[in-house]
C-alpha atoms as a PDB file:
ATOM      1  CA  UNK A   1      64.032  19.092 -46.938  1.00  0.00           C
ATOM      2  CA  UNK A   2      60.849  19.353 -48.994  1.00  0.00           C
ATOM      3  CA  UNK A   3      57.560  18.060 -47.600  1.00  0.00           C
ATOM      4  CA  UNK A   4      54.768  16.633 -49.723  1.00  0.00           C
ATOM      5  CA  UNK A   5      51.105  16.478 -48.823  1.00  0.00           C
ATOM      6  CA  UNK A   6      48.150  14.274 -49.641  1.00  0.00           C
ATOM      7  CA  UNK A   7      44.913  16.101 -48.909  1.00  0.00           C
ATOM      8  CA  UNK A   8      41.137  15.832 -49.045  1.00  0.00           C
ATOM      9  CA  UNK A   9      38.823  18.723 -49.887  1.00  0.00           C
ATOM     10  CA  UNK A  10      35.054  18.681 -49.422  1.00  0.00           C
ATOM     11  CA  UNK A  11      32.211  20.804 -50.745  1.00  0.00           C
ATOM     12  CA  UNK A  12      30.461  20.438 -47.361  1.00  0.00           C
ATOM     13  CA  UNK A  13      30.041  17.814 -44.651  1.00  0.00           C
ATOM     14  CA  UNK A  14      29.434  14.495 -46.430  1.00  0.00           C
ATOM     15  CA  UNK A  15      29.518  16.384 -49.743  1.00  0.00           C
ATOM     16  CA  UNK A  16      31.612  15.909 -52.843  1.00  0.00           C
ATOM     17  CA  UNK A  17      35.228  14.939 -52.072  1.00  0.00           C
ATOM     18  CA  UNK A  18      38.474  15.648 -53.913  1.00  0.00           C
ATOM     19  CA  UNK A  19      41.826  14.007 -53.184  1.00  0.00           C
ATOM     20  CA  UNK A  20      45.062  15.613 -54.308  1.00  0.00           C
ATOM     21  CA  UNK A  21      48.763  15.968 -53.619  1.00  0.00           C
ATOM     22  CA  UNK A  22      51.127  18.915 -53.567  1.00  0.00           C
ATOM     23  CA  UNK A  23      54.472  20.102 -52.276  1.00  0.00           C
ATOM     24  CA  UNK A  24      53.046  23.489 -51.182  1.00  0.00           C
ATOM     25  CA  UNK A  25      49.806  22.921 -49.304  1.00  0.00           C
ATOM     26  CA  UNK A  26      48.952  26.549 -48.530  1.00  0.00           C
ATOM     27  CA  UNK A  27      49.475  27.661 -52.133  1.00  0.00           C
ATOM     28  CA  UNK A  28      47.503  24.739 -53.557  1.00  0.00           C
ATOM     29  CA  UNK A  29      44.548  25.215 -51.216  1.00  0.00           C
ATOM     30  CA  UNK A  30      44.563  28.944 -52.062  1.00  0.00           C
ATOM     31  CA  UNK A  31      44.341  27.986 -55.737  1.00  0.00           C
ATOM     32  CA  UNK A  32      41.411  25.657 -55.078  1.00  0.00           C
ATOM     33  CA  UNK A  33      39.593  28.333 -53.059  1.00  0.00           C
ATOM     34  CA  UNK A  34      40.079  30.752 -55.954  1.00  0.00           C
ATOM     35  CA  UNK A  35      39.050  28.244 -58.635  1.00  0.00           C
ATOM     36  CA  UNK A  36      42.509  28.010 -60.205  1.00  0.00           C
ATOM     37  CA  UNK A  37      44.044  24.813 -61.550  1.00  0.00           C
ATOM     38  CA  UNK A  38      41.193  22.333 -61.090  1.00  0.00           C
ATOM     39  CA  UNK A  39      37.999  22.474 -63.095  1.00  0.00           C
ATOM     40  CA  UNK A  40      36.498  19.703 -60.932  1.00  0.00           C
ATOM     41  CA  UNK A  41      36.876  21.570 -57.623  1.00  0.00           C
ATOM     42  CA  UNK A  42      35.750  24.777 -59.306  1.00  0.00           C
ATOM     43  CA  UNK A  43      32.656  23.207 -60.891  1.00  0.00           C
ATOM     44  CA  UNK A  44      31.500  21.493 -57.677  1.00  0.00           C
ATOM     45  CA  UNK A  45      32.643  24.243 -55.257  1.00  0.00           C
ATOM     46  CA  UNK A  46      34.996  21.937 -53.369  1.00  0.00           C
ATOM     47  CA  UNK A  47      36.984  24.384 -51.229  1.00  0.00           C
ATOM     48  CA  UNK A  48      37.140  23.066 -47.647  1.00  0.00           C
ATOM     49  CA  UNK A  49      40.363  21.373 -46.557  1.00  0.00           C
ATOM     50  CA  UNK A  50      39.107  18.618 -44.259  1.00  0.00           C
ATOM     51  CA  UNK A  51      42.143  16.304 -44.073  1.00  0.00           C
ATOM     52  CA  UNK A  52      45.821  16.229 -44.959  1.00  0.00           C
ATOM     53  CA  UNK A  53      48.920  14.123 -44.389  1.00  0.00           C
ATOM     54  CA  UNK A  54      52.610  15.000 -44.648  1.00  0.00           C
ATOM     55  CA  UNK A  55      55.055  12.786 -46.545  1.00  0.00           C
ATOM     56  CA  UNK A  56      58.835  12.903 -46.836  1.00  0.00           C
ATOM     57  CA  UNK A  57      58.936  12.074 -50.548  1.00  0.00           C
ATOM     58  CA  UNK A  58      56.838  12.666 -53.639  1.00  0.00           C
ATOM     59  CA  UNK A  59      56.623   8.920 -54.185  1.00  0.00           C
ATOM     60  CA  UNK A  60      55.062   8.391 -50.731  1.00  0.00           C
ATOM     61  CA  UNK A  61      52.508  11.154 -51.317  1.00  0.00           C
ATOM     62  CA  UNK A  62      51.706   9.847 -54.810  1.00  0.00           C
ATOM     63  CA  UNK A  63      51.271   6.277 -53.562  1.00  0.00           C
ATOM     64  CA  UNK A  64      48.994   7.430 -50.751  1.00  0.00           C
ATOM     65  CA  UNK A  65      46.922   9.597 -53.117  1.00  0.00           C
ATOM     66  CA  UNK A  66      46.400   6.652 -55.478  1.00  0.00           C
ATOM     67  CA  UNK A  67      45.524   4.372 -52.556  1.00  0.00           C
ATOM     68  CA  UNK A  68      42.958   6.819 -51.153  1.00  0.00           C
ATOM     69  CA  UNK A  69      41.367   7.440 -54.557  1.00  0.00           C
ATOM     70  CA  UNK A  70      40.631   3.710 -54.835  1.00  0.00           C
ATOM     71  CA  UNK A  71      38.929   3.574 -51.438  1.00  0.00           C
ATOM     72  CA  UNK A  72      35.205   3.300 -50.942  1.00  0.00           C
ATOM     73  CA  UNK A  73      33.556   6.587 -50.017  1.00  0.00           C
ATOM     74  CA  UNK A  74      32.755   5.280 -46.518  1.00  0.00           C
ATOM     75  CA  UNK A  75      36.458   4.704 -45.833  1.00  0.00           C
ATOM     76  CA  UNK A  76      37.314   8.262 -46.878  1.00  0.00           C
ATOM     77  CA  UNK A  77      34.596   9.689 -44.632  1.00  0.00           C
ATOM     78  CA  UNK A  78      35.810   7.520 -41.748  1.00  0.00           C
ATOM     79  CA  UNK A  79      39.360   8.836 -42.223  1.00  0.00           C
ATOM     80  CA  UNK A  80      38.150  12.453 -42.223  1.00  0.00           C
ATOM     81  CA  UNK A  81      35.911  12.004 -39.176  1.00  0.00           C
ATOM     82  CA  UNK A  82      38.644  10.233 -37.185  1.00  0.00           C
ATOM     83  CA  UNK A  83      40.856  13.349 -37.402  1.00  0.00           C
ATOM     84  CA  UNK A  84      38.282  16.081 -38.049  1.00  0.00           C
ATOM     85  CA  UNK A  85      34.871  14.992 -36.689  1.00  0.00           C
ATOM     86  CA  UNK A  86      33.267  18.410 -37.262  1.00  0.00           C
ATOM     87  CA  UNK A  87      34.549  18.676 -40.845  1.00  0.00           C
ATOM     88  CA  UNK A  88      36.157  22.024 -39.974  1.00  0.00           C
ATOM     89  CA  UNK A  89      37.960  23.780 -42.833  1.00  0.00           C
ATOM     90  CA  UNK A  90      41.543  23.297 -41.649  1.00  0.00           C
ATOM     91  CA  UNK A  91      42.696  26.218 -43.792  1.00  0.00           C
ATOM     92  CA  UNK A  92      40.059  28.696 -42.594  1.00  0.00           C
ATOM     93  CA  UNK A  93      42.568  30.994 -40.879  1.00  0.00           C
ATOM     94  CA  UNK A  94      45.450  30.726 -43.365  1.00  0.00           C
ATOM     95  CA  UNK A  95      44.556  33.665 -45.589  1.00  0.00           C
ATOM     96  CA  UNK A  96      43.461  36.474 -43.274  1.00  0.00           C
END
């Protein structure tokens, strides 16, 4: 069964945010970190995975992505800090 992910990247704590979705989180974050596939994350150096959610279907992940993109910035920061108060890069040890 395939898993889908909605995720938030940040340039730094309280920095520029990017919300995306994928079916292969490790691959997609690797691409972001290597400036592949998103000119926005490349331009603003948005490479830290600070939040992600798993979804059973693409439709659920897509709906959640659209919902989160409409949120006020404060709501996004609150969501991140609830799960990741130190804004740790959750993918920091994936590519050693």
